[in-house]
Each structure stands twice: as C-alpha cells, then as structure tokens.
Amino acid sequence: MPLGQLAEIVLTPGPAMVRDEDGQLAGYIYVDTATRDIGGYVDAAKAAIASGLTLPAGYTLQWTGQYEFQLRARERLQVLIPLVFLIIFFLLYMTFRSVSEPRSSCCRWSMR
C-alpha cells in the first residue's frame, strides 16, 4: 500500500527541534551582544518588552544563559567581598593589636 493513500505529508517551516523545560514546551532566542555588555542589553530589552508586550496565560519569559550566570556571580560576590575584607581586617588586627596604626617596637630605629 503506498504511503500517499494512508496520510497526506506536508512540509511546513518550524523549529529545528521541540524542546521542553519543566514539562512545558520552550522556545529559545539566542542573542549575540558583541557591542554591549550582557547586563545592559538585558536591562534595556526588559524595559522594551515590559512596555510593549503582554504575555498570554500560560506563557513565561525567562532570561538565562550568561546573564543568569552573571546574576549568580554577583549575588555570591556581594557576600564574599565583605567577608574577605572582614577577614583581612581581623588578621591585621590580630597582627598589630590596633585598629589605627601598628605599634611595633621592633621596627623603630634610633640614631645614637
């Protein structure tokens, strides 16, 4: 039996593959920002989309990829940098036993 008698085959344009994330179909848009930083581009794109796009029910919009990695790194650094400065301050205090200036008698020179 020829296949043409069982079904009608029609080629239509569409995505190269069907992807899903968390059990929902997902479509990805790749953006190359060679002239701008990724954070600035996403902030400008979010503002443009917020003013002109209303998502239908059941649709979500997420910014992922390098932007998401940048946000995670920024969150970690907001904790780590103050912690590193605190540790450095503590080590300097334990070394010199003073907050304002070192009081060490071993480094004084006198001319006699």
PDB file of N, CA and C in Angstrom:
ATOM      1  N   MET A   1       0.848  -1.161   0.000  1.00  0.00           N
ATOM      2  CA  MET A   1       0.000   0.000   0.000  1.00  0.00           C
ATOM      3  C   MET A   1       0.900   1.232   0.000  1.00  0.00           C
ATOM      4  N   PRO A   2       0.708   2.169  -0.888  1.00  0.00           N
ATOM      5  CA  PRO A   2       1.512   3.378  -0.928  1.00  0.00           C
ATOM      6  C   PRO A   2       1.219   4.289   0.268  1.00  0.00           C
ATOM      7  N   LEU A   3       2.251   4.992   0.735  1.00  0.00           N
ATOM      8  CA  LEU A   3       2.127   5.881   1.890  1.00  0.00           C
ATOM      9  C   LEU A   3       1.168   7.031   1.597  1.00  0.00           C
ATOM     10  N   GLY A   4       1.089   7.486   0.377  1.00  0.00           N
ATOM     11  CA  GLY A   4       0.202   8.574  -0.001  1.00  0.00           C
ATOM     12  C   GLY A   4      -1.270   8.233   0.201  1.00  0.00           C
ATOM     13  N   GLN A   5      -1.622   6.973   0.238  1.00  0.00           N
ATOM     14  CA  GLN A   5      -3.019   6.579   0.485  1.00  0.00           C
ATOM     15  C   GLN A   5      -3.354   6.580   1.977  1.00  0.00           C
ATOM     16  N   LEU A   6      -2.326   6.459   2.834  1.00  0.00           N
ATOM     17  CA  LEU A   6      -2.559   6.418   4.277  1.00  0.00           C
ATOM     18  C   LEU A   6      -2.583   7.805   4.906  1.00  0.00           C
ATOM     19  N   ALA A   7      -1.763   8.687   4.405  1.00  0.00           N
ATOM     20  CA  ALA A   7      -1.645  10.013   5.021  1.00  0.00           C
ATOM     21  C   ALA A   7      -1.203  11.018   3.984  1.00  0.00           C
ATOM     22  N   GLU A   8      -1.494  12.281   4.271  1.00  0.00           N
ATOM     23  CA  GLU A   8      -1.025  13.366   3.422  1.00  0.00           C
ATOM     24  C   GLU A   8       0.179  14.000   4.109  1.00  0.00           C
ATOM     25  N   ILE A   9       1.320  13.990   3.472  1.00  0.00           N
ATOM     26  CA  ILE A   9       2.554  14.517   4.054  1.00  0.00           C
ATOM     27  C   ILE A   9       2.774  15.911   3.501  1.00  0.00           C
ATOM     28  N   VAL A  10       2.897  16.883   4.432  1.00  0.00           N
ATOM     29  CA  VAL A  10       3.108  18.277   4.067  1.00  0.00           C
ATOM     30  C   VAL A  10       4.287  18.801   4.871  1.00  0.00           C
ATOM     31  N   LEU A  11       5.238  19.436   4.190  1.00  0.00           N
ATOM     32  CA  LEU A  11       6.378  20.047   4.873  1.00  0.00           C
ATOM     33  C   LEU A  11       6.011  21.481   5.235  1.00  0.00           C
ATOM     34  N   THR A  12       6.180  21.822   6.500  1.00  0.00           N
ATOM     35  CA  THR A  12       5.913  23.179   6.969  1.00  0.00           C
ATOM     36  C   THR A  12       7.123  23.681   7.734  1.00  0.00           C
ATOM     37  N   PRO A  13       7.401  24.988   7.657  1.00  0.00           N
ATOM     38  CA  PRO A  13       8.539  25.513   8.427  1.00  0.00           C
ATOM     39  C   PRO A  13       8.209  25.531   9.917  1.00  0.00           C
ATOM     40  N   GLY A  14       9.219  25.321  10.729  1.00  0.00           N
ATOM     41  CA  GLY A  14       9.040  25.336  12.184  1.00  0.00           C
ATOM     42  C   GLY A  14      10.377  25.222  12.876  1.00  0.00           C
ATOM     43  N   PRO A  15      10.344  25.061  14.171  1.00  0.00           N
ATOM     44  CA  PRO A  15      11.604  24.953  14.905  1.00  0.00           C
ATOM     45  C   PRO A  15      12.359  23.687  14.523  1.00  0.00           C
ATOM     46  N   ALA A  16      13.687  23.755  14.656  1.00  0.00           N
ATOM     47  CA  ALA A  16      14.514  22.615  14.291  1.00  0.00           C
ATOM     48  C   ALA A  16      14.259  21.414  15.194  1.00  0.00           C
ATOM     49  N   MET A  17      13.914  21.673  16.438  1.00  0.00           N
ATOM     50  CA  MET A  17      13.595  20.588  17.366  1.00  0.00           C
ATOM     51  C   MET A  17      12.628  21.111  18.419  1.00  0.00           C
ATOM     52  N   VAL A  18      11.894  20.220  19.002  1.00  0.00           N
ATOM     53  CA  VAL A  18      10.963  20.595  20.061  1.00  0.00           C
ATOM     54  C   VAL A  18      11.695  20.416  21.381  1.00  0.00           C
ATOM     55  N   ARG A  19      11.738  21.471  22.159  1.00  0.00           N
ATOM     56  CA  ARG A  19      12.410  21.423  23.461  1.00  0.00           C
ATOM     57  C   ARG A  19      11.381  21.637  24.560  1.00  0.00           C
ATOM     58  N   ASP A  20      11.687  21.083  25.703  1.00  0.00           N
ATOM     59  CA  ASP A  20      10.816  21.340  26.846  1.00  0.00           C
ATOM     60  C   ASP A  20      11.672  21.619  28.062  1.00  0.00           C
ATOM     61  N   GLU A  21      11.090  22.389  28.951  1.00  0.00           N
ATOM     62  CA  GLU A  21      11.755  22.717  30.206  1.00  0.00           C
ATOM     63  C   GLU A  21      10.692  22.696  31.285  1.00  0.00           C
ATOM     64  N   ASP A  22      10.937  21.939  32.330  1.00  0.00           N
ATOM     65  CA  ASP A  22       9.973  21.748  33.416  1.00  0.00           C
ATOM     66  C   ASP A  22       8.639  21.222  32.892  1.00  0.00           C
ATOM     67  N   GLY A  23       8.686  20.378  31.890  1.00  0.00           N
ATOM     68  CA  GLY A  23       7.467  19.766  31.362  1.00  0.00           C
ATOM     69  C   GLY A  23       6.660  20.668  30.445  1.00  0.00           C
ATOM     70  N   GLN A  24       7.161  21.856  30.120  1.00  0.00           N
ATOM     71  CA  GLN A  24       6.458  22.777  29.226  1.00  0.00           C
ATOM     72  C   GLN A  24       7.300  22.995  27.979  1.00  0.00           C
ATOM     73  N   LEU A  25       6.645  23.161  26.853  1.00  0.00           N
ATOM     74  CA  LEU A  25       7.369  23.436  25.626  1.00  0.00           C
ATOM     75  C   LEU A  25       8.101  24.762  25.749  1.00  0.00           C
ATOM     76  N   ALA A  26       9.288  24.819  25.177  1.00  0.00           N
ATOM     77  CA  ALA A  26      10.113  26.021  25.307  1.00  0.00           C
ATOM     78  C   ALA A  26      10.671  26.407  23.951  1.00  0.00           C
ATOM     79  N   GLY A  27      10.739  27.689  23.708  1.00  0.00           N
ATOM     80  CA  GLY A  27      11.387  28.231  22.523  1.00  0.00           C
ATOM     81  C   GLY A  27      12.522  29.126  22.976  1.00  0.00           C
ATOM     82  N   TYR A  28      13.668  29.023  22.324  1.00  0.00           N
ATOM     83  CA  TYR A  28      14.850  29.772  22.721  1.00  0.00           C
ATOM     84  C   TYR A  28      15.186  30.802  21.658  1.00  0.00           C
ATOM     85  N   ILE A  29      15.608  31.961  22.096  1.00  0.00           N
ATOM     86  CA  ILE A  29      16.094  33.001  21.203  1.00  0.00           C
ATOM     87  C   ILE A  29      17.520  33.310  21.633  1.00  0.00           C
ATOM     88  N   TYR A  30      18.444  33.160  20.723  1.00  0.00           N
ATOM     89  CA  TYR A  30      19.846  33.417  21.021  1.00  0.00           C
ATOM     90  C   TYR A  30      20.200  34.834  20.581  1.00  0.00           C
ATOM     91  N   VAL A  31      20.881  35.563  21.449  1.00  0.00           N
ATOM     92  CA  VAL A  31      21.252  36.941  21.170  1.00  0.00           C
ATOM     93  C   VAL A  31      22.764  37.059  21.289  1.00  0.00           C
ATOM     94  N   ASP A  32      23.386  37.669  20.295  1.00  0.00           N
ATOM     95  CA  ASP A  32      24.819  37.919  20.329  1.00  0.00           C
ATOM     96  C   ASP A  32      25.035  39.403  20.586  1.00  0.00           C
ATOM     97  N   THR A  33      25.605  39.735  21.711  1.00  0.00           N
ATOM     98  CA  THR A  33      25.815  41.137  22.078  1.00  0.00           C
ATOM     99  C   THR A  33      27.302  41.452  22.012  1.00  0.00           C
ATOM    100  N   ALA A  34      27.813  41.599  20.815  1.00  0.00           N
ATOM    101  CA  ALA A  34      29.240  41.862  20.639  1.00  0.00           C
ATOM    102  C   ALA A  34      29.610  43.295  21.010  1.00  0.00           C
ATOM    103  N   THR A  35      28.657  44.225  20.939  1.00  0.00           N
ATOM    104  CA  THR A  35      28.983  45.629  21.171  1.00  0.00           C
ATOM    105  C   THR A  35      28.563  46.134  22.543  1.00  0.00           C
ATOM    106  N   ARG A  36      27.808  45.357  23.303  1.00  0.00           N
ATOM    107  CA  ARG A  36      27.322  45.799  24.619  1.00  0.00           C
ATOM    108  C   ARG A  36      27.569  44.717  25.653  1.00  0.00           C
ATOM    109  N   ASP A  37      27.520  45.122  26.906  1.00  0.00           N
ATOM    110  CA  ASP A  37      27.603  44.116  27.960  1.00  0.00           C
ATOM    111  C   ASP A  37      26.243  43.429  28.076  1.00  0.00           C
ATOM    112  N   ILE A  38      26.257  42.193  28.502  1.00  0.00           N
ATOM    113  CA  ILE A  38      25.030  41.394  28.534  1.00  0.00           C
ATOM    114  C   ILE A  38      24.022  41.943  29.536  1.00  0.00           C
ATOM    115  N   GLY A  39      24.491  42.458  30.661  1.00  0.00           N
ATOM    116  CA  GLY A  39      23.589  43.005  31.674  1.00  0.00           C
ATOM    117  C   GLY A  39      22.855  44.240  31.177  1.00  0.00           C
ATOM    118  N   GLY A  40      23.568  45.145  30.526  1.00  0.00           N
ATOM    119  CA  GLY A  40      22.948  46.348  29.981  1.00  0.00           C
ATOM    120  C   GLY A  40      21.961  46.026  28.882  1.00  0.00           C
ATOM    121  N   TYR A  41      22.310  45.051  28.036  1.00  0.00           N
ATOM    122  CA  TYR A  41      21.408  44.658  26.957  1.00  0.00           C
ATOM    123  C   TYR A  41      20.117  44.073  27.515  1.00  0.00           C
ATOM    124  N   VAL A  42      20.241  43.182  28.484  1.00  0.00           N
ATOM    125  CA  VAL A  42      19.045  42.542  29.054  1.00  0.00           C
ATOM    126  C   VAL A  42      18.187  43.566  29.784  1.00  0.00           C
ATOM    127  N   ASP A  43      18.801  44.500  30.497  1.00  0.00           N
ATOM    128  CA  ASP A  43      18.017  45.543  31.176  1.00  0.00           C
ATOM    129  C   ASP A  43      17.231  46.382  30.179  1.00  0.00           C
ATOM    130  N   ALA A  44      17.870  46.769  29.067  1.00  0.00           N
ATOM    131  CA  ALA A  44      17.179  47.545  28.035  1.00  0.00           C
ATOM    132  C   ALA A  44      16.086  46.715  27.366  1.00  0.00           C
ATOM    133  N   ALA A  45      16.363  45.438  27.117  1.00  0.00           N
ATOM    134  CA  ALA A  45      15.361  44.567  26.493  1.00  0.00           C
ATOM    135  C   ALA A  45      14.182  44.332  27.428  1.00  0.00           C
ATOM    136  N   LYS A  46      14.440  44.173  28.719  1.00  0.00           N
ATOM    137  CA  LYS A  46      13.346  44.002  29.686  1.00  0.00           C
ATOM    138  C   LYS A  46      12.442  45.228  29.697  1.00  0.00           C
ATOM    139  N   ALA A  47      13.040  46.421  29.663  1.00  0.00           N
ATOM    140  CA  ALA A  47      12.243  47.653  29.666  1.00  0.00           C
ATOM    141  C   ALA A  47      11.402  47.757  28.399  1.00  0.00           C
ATOM    142  N   ALA A  48      11.991  47.412  27.254  1.00  0.00           N
ATOM    143  CA  ALA A  48      11.255  47.482  25.992  1.00  0.00           C
ATOM    144  C   ALA A  48      10.118  46.469  25.952  1.00  0.00           C
ATOM    145  N   ILE A  49      10.373  45.275  26.465  1.00  0.00           N
ATOM    146  CA  ILE A  49       9.341  44.237  26.457  1.00  0.00           C
ATOM    147  C   ILE A  49       8.239  44.557  27.458  1.00  0.00           C
ATOM    148  N   ALA A  50       8.605  45.089  28.614  1.00  0.00           N
ATOM    149  CA  ALA A  50       7.595  45.408  29.635  1.00  0.00           C
ATOM    150  C   ALA A  50       6.619  46.475  29.139  1.00  0.00           C
ATOM    151  N   SER A  51       7.097  47.392  28.303  1.00  0.00           N
ATOM    152  CA  SER A  51       6.211  48.460  27.834  1.00  0.00           C
ATOM    153  C   SER A  51       5.372  48.042  26.637  1.00  0.00           C
ATOM    154  N   GLY A  52       5.757  46.985  25.920  1.00  0.00           N
ATOM    155  CA  GLY A  52       5.018  46.672  24.704  1.00  0.00           C
ATOM    156  C   GLY A  52       4.558  45.242  24.542  1.00  0.00           C
ATOM    157  N   LEU A  53       4.668  44.404  25.557  1.00  0.00           N
ATOM    158  CA  LEU A  53       4.305  43.004  25.397  1.00  0.00           C
ATOM    159  C   LEU A  53       3.469  42.533  26.579  1.00  0.00           C
ATOM    160  N   THR A  54       2.364  41.905  26.276  1.00  0.00           N
ATOM    161  CA  THR A  54       1.548  41.256  27.297  1.00  0.00           C
ATOM    162  C   THR A  54       1.529  39.768  26.968  1.00  0.00           C
ATOM    163  N   LEU A  55       2.037  38.959  27.881  1.00  0.00           N
ATOM    164  CA  LEU A  55       2.098  37.520  27.645  1.00  0.00           C
ATOM    165  C   LEU A  55       0.734  36.881  27.866  1.00  0.00           C
ATOM    166  N   PRO A  56       0.332  35.992  26.984  1.00  0.00           N
ATOM    167  CA  PRO A  56      -0.924  35.268  27.200  1.00  0.00           C
ATOM    168  C   PRO A  56      -0.817  34.333  28.408  1.00  0.00           C
ATOM    169  N   ALA A  57      -1.943  33.880  28.884  1.00  0.00           N
ATOM    170  CA  ALA A  57      -1.959  32.959  30.031  1.00  0.00           C
ATOM    171  C   ALA A  57      -1.196  31.691  29.686  1.00  0.00           C
ATOM    172  N   GLY A  58      -0.359  31.238  30.612  1.00  0.00           N
ATOM    173  CA  GLY A  58       0.410  30.025  30.408  1.00  0.00           C
ATOM    174  C   GLY A  58       1.778  30.253  29.788  1.00  0.00           C
ATOM    175  N   TYR A  59       2.082  31.478  29.376  1.00  0.00           N
ATOM    176  CA  TYR A  59       3.381  31.797  28.787  1.00  0.00           C
ATOM    177  C   TYR A  59       4.271  32.437  29.846  1.00  0.00           C
ATOM    178  N   THR A  60       5.553  32.136  29.778  1.00  0.00           N
ATOM    179  CA  THR A  60       6.525  32.757  30.673  1.00  0.00           C
ATOM    180  C   THR A  60       7.714  33.240  29.851  1.00  0.00           C
ATOM    181  N   LEU A  61       8.418  34.190  30.391  1.00  0.00           N
ATOM    182  CA  LEU A  61       9.601  34.743  29.753  1.00  0.00           C
ATOM    183  C   LEU A  61      10.728  34.703  30.772  1.00  0.00           C
ATOM    184  N   GLN A  62      11.837  34.063  30.410  1.00  0.00           N
ATOM    185  CA  GLN A  62      12.980  33.962  31.312  1.00  0.00           C
ATOM    186  C   GLN A  62      14.245  34.381  30.577  1.00  0.00           C
ATOM    187  N   TRP A  63      15.109  35.082  31.274  1.00  0.00           N
ATOM    188  CA  TRP A  63      16.409  35.476  30.739  1.00  0.00           C
ATOM    189  C   TRP A  63      17.435  34.538  31.346  1.00  0.00           C
ATOM    190  N   THR A  64      18.073  33.721  30.529  1.00  0.00           N
ATOM    191  CA  THR A  64      19.003  32.711  31.034  1.00  0.00           C
ATOM    192  C   THR A  64      20.345  32.838  30.324  1.00  0.00           C
ATOM    193  N   GLY A  65      21.152  31.832  30.466  1.00  0.00           N
ATOM    194  CA  GLY A  65      22.453  31.814  29.809  1.00  0.00           C
ATOM    195  C   GLY A  65      23.478  32.612  30.588  1.00  0.00           C
ATOM    196  N   GLN A  66      24.306  33.373  29.871  1.00  0.00           N
ATOM    197  CA  GLN A  66      25.363  34.143  30.507  1.00  0.00           C
ATOM    198  C   GLN A  66      24.802  35.177  31.471  1.00  0.00           C
ATOM    199  N   TYR A  67      23.635  35.718  31.164  1.00  0.00           N
ATOM    200  CA  TYR A  67      23.012  36.709  32.057  1.00  0.00           C
ATOM    201  C   TYR A  67      22.686  36.075  33.407  1.00  0.00           C
ATOM    202  N   GLU A  68      22.134  34.888  33.383  1.00  0.00           N
ATOM    203  CA  GLU A  68      21.805  34.193  34.632  1.00  0.00           C
ATOM    204  C   GLU A  68      23.075  33.870  35.423  1.00  0.00           C
ATOM    205  N   PHE A  69      24.134  33.470  34.725  1.00  0.00           N
ATOM    206  CA  PHE A  69      25.405  33.194  35.397  1.00  0.00           C
ATOM    207  C   PHE A  69      25.976  34.466  36.016  1.00  0.00           C
ATOM    208  N   GLN A  70      25.829  35.588  35.313  1.00  0.00           N
ATOM    209  CA  GLN A  70      26.309  36.864  35.832  1.00  0.00           C
ATOM    210  C   GLN A  70      25.550  37.256  37.096  1.00  0.00           C
ATOM    211  N   LEU A  71      24.245  37.054  37.124  1.00  0.00           N
ATOM    212  CA  LEU A  71      23.454  37.369  38.321  1.00  0.00           C
ATOM    213  C   LEU A  71      23.872  36.501  39.507  1.00  0.00           C
ATOM    214  N   ARG A  72      24.087  35.225  39.257  1.00  0.00           N
ATOM    215  CA  ARG A  72      24.518  34.331  40.343  1.00  0.00           C
ATOM    216  C   ARG A  72      25.885  34.740  40.881  1.00  0.00           C
ATOM    217  N   ALA A  73      26.801  35.085  39.982  1.00  0.00           N
ATOM    218  CA  ALA A  73      28.136  35.507  40.420  1.00  0.00           C
ATOM    219  C   ALA A  73      28.052  36.801  41.224  1.00  0.00           C
ATOM    220  N   ARG A  74      27.205  37.734  40.800  1.00  0.00           N
ATOM    221  CA  ARG A  74      27.052  39.000  41.527  1.00  0.00           C
ATOM    222  C   ARG A  74      26.504  38.753  42.933  1.00  0.00           C
ATOM    223  N   GLU A  75      25.543  37.836  43.047  1.00  0.00           N
ATOM    224  CA  GLU A  75      24.987  37.518  44.374  1.00  0.00           C
ATOM    225  C   GLU A  75      26.056  36.923  45.283  1.00  0.00           C
ATOM    226  N   ARG A  76      26.882  36.023  44.722  1.00  0.00           N
ATOM    227  CA  ARG A  76      27.948  35.421  45.532  1.00  0.00           C
ATOM    228  C   ARG A  76      28.974  36.464  45.956  1.00  0.00           C
ATOM    229  N   LEU A  77      29.339  37.347  45.022  1.00  0.00           N
ATOM    230  CA  LEU A  77      30.347  38.354  45.335  1.00  0.00           C
ATOM    231  C   LEU A  77      29.848  39.371  46.352  1.00  0.00           C
ATOM    232  N   GLN A  78      28.554  39.628  46.384  1.00  0.00           N
ATOM    233  CA  GLN A  78      28.013  40.555  47.379  1.00  0.00           C
ATOM    234  C   GLN A  78      28.193  40.017  48.790  1.00  0.00           C
ATOM    235  N   VAL A  79      28.337  38.724  48.916  1.00  0.00           N
ATOM    236  CA  VAL A  79      28.588  38.115  50.223  1.00  0.00           C
ATOM    237  C   VAL A  79      30.086  37.935  50.442  1.00  0.00           C
ATOM    238  N   LEU A  80      30.803  37.480  49.414  1.00  0.00           N
ATOM    239  CA  LEU A  80      32.208  37.131  49.580  1.00  0.00           C
ATOM    240  C   LEU A  80      33.123  38.338  49.762  1.00  0.00           C
ATOM    241  N   ILE A  81      32.904  39.404  49.032  1.00  0.00           N
ATOM    242  CA  ILE A  81      33.805  40.556  49.130  1.00  0.00           C
ATOM    243  C   ILE A  81      33.793  41.172  50.527  1.00  0.00           C
ATOM    244  N   PRO A  82      32.630  41.458  51.126  1.00  0.00           N
ATOM    245  CA  PRO A  82      32.670  41.961  52.511  1.00  0.00           C
ATOM    246  C   PRO A  82      33.295  40.955  53.486  1.00  0.00           C
ATOM    247  N   LEU A  83      33.042  39.668  53.258  1.00  0.00           N
ATOM    248  CA  LEU A  83      33.626  38.648  54.122  1.00  0.00           C
ATOM    249  C   LEU A  83      35.152  38.650  54.017  1.00  0.00           C
ATOM    250  N   VAL A  84      35.688  38.786  52.811  1.00  0.00           N
ATOM    251  CA  VAL A  84      37.144  38.833  52.622  1.00  0.00           C
ATOM    252  C   VAL A  84      37.729  40.060  53.312  1.00  0.00           C
ATOM    253  N   PHE A  85      37.085  41.227  53.166  1.00  0.00           N
ATOM    254  CA  PHE A  85      37.582  42.425  53.844  1.00  0.00           C
ATOM    255  C   PHE A  85      37.530  42.270  55.361  1.00  0.00           C
ATOM    256  N   LEU A  86      36.498  41.638  55.866  1.00  0.00           N
ATOM    257  CA  LEU A  86      36.398  41.394  57.300  1.00  0.00           C
ATOM    258  C   LEU A  86      37.526  40.476  57.782  1.00  0.00           C
ATOM    259  N   ILE A  87      37.823  39.444  57.037  1.00  0.00           N
ATOM    260  CA  ILE A  87      38.914  38.532  57.402  1.00  0.00           C
ATOM    261  C   ILE A  87      40.253  39.260  57.361  1.00  0.00           C
ATOM    262  N   ILE A  88      40.471  40.083  56.331  1.00  0.00           N
ATOM    263  CA  ILE A  88      41.717  40.847  56.244  1.00  0.00           C
ATOM    264  C   ILE A  88      41.842  41.798  57.437  1.00  0.00           C
ATOM    265  N   PHE A  89      40.756  42.497  57.764  1.00  0.00           N
ATOM    266  CA  PHE A  89      40.765  43.397  58.913  1.00  0.00           C
ATOM    267  C   PHE A  89      41.089  42.626  60.197  1.00  0.00           C
ATOM    268  N   PHE A  90      40.464  41.467  60.374  1.00  0.00           N
ATOM    269  CA  PHE A  90      40.696  40.655  61.565  1.00  0.00           C
ATOM    270  C   PHE A  90      42.158  40.210  61.645  1.00  0.00           C
ATOM    271  N   LEU A  91      42.713  39.777  60.528  1.00  0.00           N
ATOM    272  CA  LEU A  91      44.113  39.339  60.529  1.00  0.00           C
ATOM    273  C   LEU A  91      45.061  40.498  60.832  1.00  0.00           C
ATOM    274  N   LEU A  92      44.793  41.672  60.277  1.00  0.00           N
ATOM    275  CA  LEU A  92      45.627  42.834  60.581  1.00  0.00           C
ATOM    276  C   LEU A  92      45.499  43.232  62.049  1.00  0.00           C
ATOM    277  N   TYR A  93      44.303  43.166  62.585  1.00  0.00           N
ATOM    278  CA  TYR A  93      44.112  43.499  63.997  1.00  0.00           C
ATOM    279  C   TYR A  93      44.850  42.507  64.890  1.00  0.00           C
ATOM    280  N   MET A  94      44.748  41.217  64.561  1.00  0.00           N
ATOM    281  CA  MET A  94      45.438  40.208  65.373  1.00  0.00           C
ATOM    282  C   MET A  94      46.962  40.360  65.264  1.00  0.00           C
ATOM    283  N   THR A  95      47.450  40.846  64.148  1.00  0.00           N
ATOM    284  CA  THR A  95      48.886  41.019  63.977  1.00  0.00           C
ATOM    285  C   THR A  95      49.409  42.226  64.740  1.00  0.00           C
ATOM    286  N   PHE A  96      48.726  43.361  64.626  1.00  0.00           N
ATOM    287  CA  PHE A  96      49.228  44.610  65.198  1.00  0.00           C
ATOM    288  C   PHE A  96      48.546  45.010  66.503  1.00  0.00           C
ATOM    289  N   ARG A  97      47.459  44.363  66.885  1.00  0.00           N
ATOM    290  CA  ARG A  97      46.716  44.662  68.126  1.00  0.00           C
ATOM    291  C   ARG A  97      46.263  46.119  68.180  1.00  0.00           C
ATOM    292  N   SER A  98      45.955  46.667  67.022  1.00  0.00           N
ATOM    293  CA  SER A  98      45.500  48.043  66.966  1.00  0.00           C
ATOM    294  C   SER A  98      44.671  48.233  65.699  1.00  0.00           C
ATOM    295  N   VAL A  99      43.726  49.150  65.785  1.00  0.00           N
ATOM    296  CA  VAL A  99      42.906  49.442  64.616  1.00  0.00           C
ATOM    297  C   VAL A  99      43.497  50.592  63.824  1.00  0.00           C
ATOM    298  N   SER A 100      44.063  51.568  64.528  1.00  0.00           N
ATOM    299  CA  SER A 100      44.508  52.783  63.846  1.00  0.00           C
ATOM    300  C   SER A 100      45.882  52.654  63.203  1.00  0.00           C
ATOM    301  N   GLU A 101      46.882  52.197  63.938  1.00  0.00           N
ATOM    302  CA  GLU A 101      48.222  52.107  63.381  1.00  0.00           C
ATOM    303  C   GLU A 101      49.010  51.024  64.096  1.00  0.00           C
ATOM    304  N   PRO A 102      49.989  50.476  63.426  1.00  0.00           N
ATOM    305  CA  PRO A 102      50.804  49.427  64.062  1.00  0.00           C
ATOM    306  C   PRO A 102      51.671  49.987  65.177  1.00  0.00           C
ATOM    307  N   ARG A 103      51.744  49.265  66.294  1.00  0.00           N
ATOM    308  CA  ARG A 103      52.597  49.654  67.430  1.00  0.00           C
ATOM    309  C   ARG A 103      53.649  48.585  67.604  1.00  0.00           C
ATOM    310  N   SER A 104      54.620  48.618  66.837  1.00  0.00           N
ATOM    311  CA  SER A 104      55.640  47.591  66.936  1.00  0.00           C
ATOM    312  C   SER A 104      56.960  48.231  67.343  1.00  0.00           C
ATOM    313  N   SER A 105      57.571  47.707  68.410  1.00  0.00           N
ATOM    314  CA  SER A 105      58.842  48.261  68.875  1.00  0.00           C
ATOM    315  C   SER A 105      60.012  47.674  68.102  1.00  0.00           C
ATOM    316  N   CYS A 106      59.796  46.638  67.382  1.00  0.00           N
ATOM    317  CA  CYS A 106      60.906  46.005  66.674  1.00  0.00           C
ATOM    318  C   CYS A 106      61.348  46.807  65.465  1.00  0.00           C
ATOM    319  N   CYS A 107      60.523  47.707  65.005  1.00  0.00           N
ATOM    320  CA  CYS A 107      60.842  48.411  63.762  1.00  0.00           C
ATOM    321  C   CYS A 107      61.273  49.841  63.986  1.00  0.00           C
ATOM    322  N   ARG A 108      61.522  50.244  65.197  1.00  0.00           N
ATOM    323  CA  ARG A 108      61.955  51.621  65.456  1.00  0.00           C
ATOM    324  C   ARG A 108      63.464  51.703  65.366  1.00  0.00           C
ATOM    325  N   TRP A 109      63.899  52.747  64.735  1.00  0.00           N
ATOM    326  CA  TRP A 109      65.326  52.985  64.586  1.00  0.00           C
ATOM    327  C   TRP A 109      65.704  54.198  65.400  1.00  0.00           C
ATOM    328  N   SER A 110      66.813  54.126  65.981  1.00  0.00           N
ATOM    329  CA  SER A 110      67.299  55.288  66.720  1.00  0.00           C
ATOM    330  C   SER A 110      68.741  55.543  66.336  1.00  0.00           C
ATOM    331  N   MET A 111      69.054  56.797  66.292  1.00  0.00           N
ATOM    332  CA  MET A 111      70.429  57.199  65.955  1.00  0.00           C
ATOM    333  C   MET A 111      71.116  57.617  67.249  1.00  0.00           C
ATOM    334  N   ARG A 112      72.193  57.003  67.623  1.00  0.00           N
ATOM    335  CA  ARG A 112      72.925  57.355  68.845  1.00  0.00           C
ATOM    336  C   ARG A 112      74.293  57.781  68.545  1.00  0.00           C
TER     337      ARG A 112
END
